[in-house]
Amino acid sequence: MRLIDEQYLKTPFYGSRSMTHHLNRQGYPVNRKRIQRLMRQMGLEAIYPKPTPAASILAIRYIHISCVIFPSCTPIRSGQPISPTSP
């Protein structure tokens, strides 16, 4: 666990696969599942760019939230801005 922690501080973008390759090159025969388990126990996670939500997903969320706030709204299309209908 010490070796994993030391390498993680140097290369926080290493996931379980890269960490396994690194330790195998250092002469420690470990498999990926063991490294996954140890990294999970230590609370370590590879740092990488997370995917951004697509515009369509944001539009659907906007429509859903708007209709929750204004129960009388009726969306026609997913891309159409929502406004409450007058009574």
Protein backbone atom coordinates (compact mmCIF):
# COMPACT_ATOMS: atom_id res chain seq x y z
CA MET A 1 0.00 0.00 0.00
CA ARG A 2 2.93 2.30 0.66
CA LEU A 3 4.21 1.81 -2.90
CA ILE A 4 0.78 2.56 -4.35
CA ASP A 5 0.52 5.72 -2.23
CA GLU A 6 3.99 6.93 -3.21
CA GLN A 7 3.33 6.39 -6.91
CA TYR A 8 -0.12 7.98 -6.67
CA LEU A 9 1.43 11.14 -5.24
CA LYS A 10 3.77 11.29 -8.25
CA THR A 11 1.20 10.31 -10.88
CA PRO A 12 -2.39 10.83 -9.67
CA PHE A 13 -3.70 10.05 -13.16
CA TYR A 14 -2.66 6.38 -12.85
CA GLY A 15 -5.62 4.05 -12.57
CA SER A 16 -5.49 0.43 -11.50
CA ARG A 17 -4.10 -0.74 -14.85
CA SER A 18 -1.24 1.74 -14.97
CA MET A 19 -0.47 1.20 -11.30
CA THR A 20 -0.34 -2.56 -11.89
CA HIS A 21 2.07 -2.12 -14.80
CA HIS A 22 4.25 0.17 -12.71
CA LEU A 23 4.43 -2.26 -9.77
CA ASN A 24 5.11 -5.21 -12.07
CA ARG A 25 8.00 -3.28 -13.64
CA GLN A 26 9.34 -2.61 -10.14
CA GLY A 27 9.40 -6.36 -9.44
CA TYR A 28 6.17 -6.75 -7.43
CA PRO A 29 3.95 -9.38 -9.11
CA VAL A 30 0.42 -8.10 -8.46
CA ASN A 31 -2.76 -8.33 -10.48
CA ARG A 32 -5.18 -5.55 -11.37
CA LYS A 33 -8.02 -6.69 -9.11
CA ARG A 34 -5.78 -6.52 -6.06
CA ILE A 35 -4.69 -3.00 -7.02
CA GLN A 36 -8.33 -2.00 -7.60
CA ARG A 37 -9.28 -3.26 -4.15
CA LEU A 38 -6.36 -1.56 -2.42
CA MET A 39 -6.91 1.74 -4.22
CA ARG A 40 -10.60 1.60 -3.27
CA GLN A 41 -9.71 0.94 0.38
CA MET A 42 -7.26 3.84 0.36
CA GLY A 43 -9.80 6.13 -1.30
CA LEU A 44 -7.59 6.71 -4.34
CA GLU A 45 -9.12 7.42 -7.72
CA ALA A 46 -7.49 8.32 -11.01
CA ILE A 47 -7.80 11.97 -12.01
CA TYR A 48 -9.10 12.38 -15.54
CA PRO A 49 -11.44 14.72 -17.44
CA LYS A 50 -15.04 13.85 -16.67
CA PRO A 51 -17.55 13.79 -19.54
CA THR A 52 -19.71 16.89 -19.90
CA PRO A 53 -23.46 16.44 -20.28
CA ALA A 54 -24.81 16.87 -23.78
CA ALA A 55 -26.97 19.88 -24.59
CA SER A 56 -30.00 17.64 -25.09
CA ILE A 57 -29.68 16.23 -21.59
CA LEU A 58 -29.47 19.77 -20.19
CA ALA A 59 -32.56 20.74 -22.19
CA ILE A 60 -34.52 17.76 -20.85
CA ARG A 61 -33.48 18.64 -17.29
CA TYR A 62 -34.50 22.26 -17.88
CA ILE A 63 -37.93 21.19 -19.13
CA HIS A 64 -38.41 18.75 -16.25
CA ILE A 65 -37.41 21.29 -13.58
CA SER A 66 -39.50 24.03 -15.19
CA CYS A 67 -42.57 21.80 -15.27
CA VAL A 68 -42.04 20.92 -11.62
CA ILE A 69 -41.89 24.61 -10.71
CA PHE A 70 -44.77 25.56 -13.03
CA PRO A 71 -47.15 22.57 -13.04
CA SER A 72 -49.37 24.15 -15.69
CA CYS A 73 -46.65 24.21 -18.37
CA THR A 74 -46.88 21.90 -21.36
CA PRO A 75 -43.63 21.50 -23.32
CA ILE A 76 -44.11 21.04 -27.06
CA ARG A 77 -40.50 20.26 -28.05
CA SER A 78 -37.50 19.38 -25.95
CA GLY A 79 -35.54 22.42 -27.19
CA GLN A 80 -38.34 24.93 -26.73
CA PRO A 81 -38.03 27.38 -23.82
CA ILE A 82 -40.70 26.81 -21.21
CA SER A 83 -43.05 29.48 -19.96
CA PRO A 84 -46.06 28.93 -17.74
CA THR A 85 -49.40 29.05 -19.53
CA SER A 86 -51.79 31.74 -18.38
CA PRO A 87 -54.98 30.51 -16.68
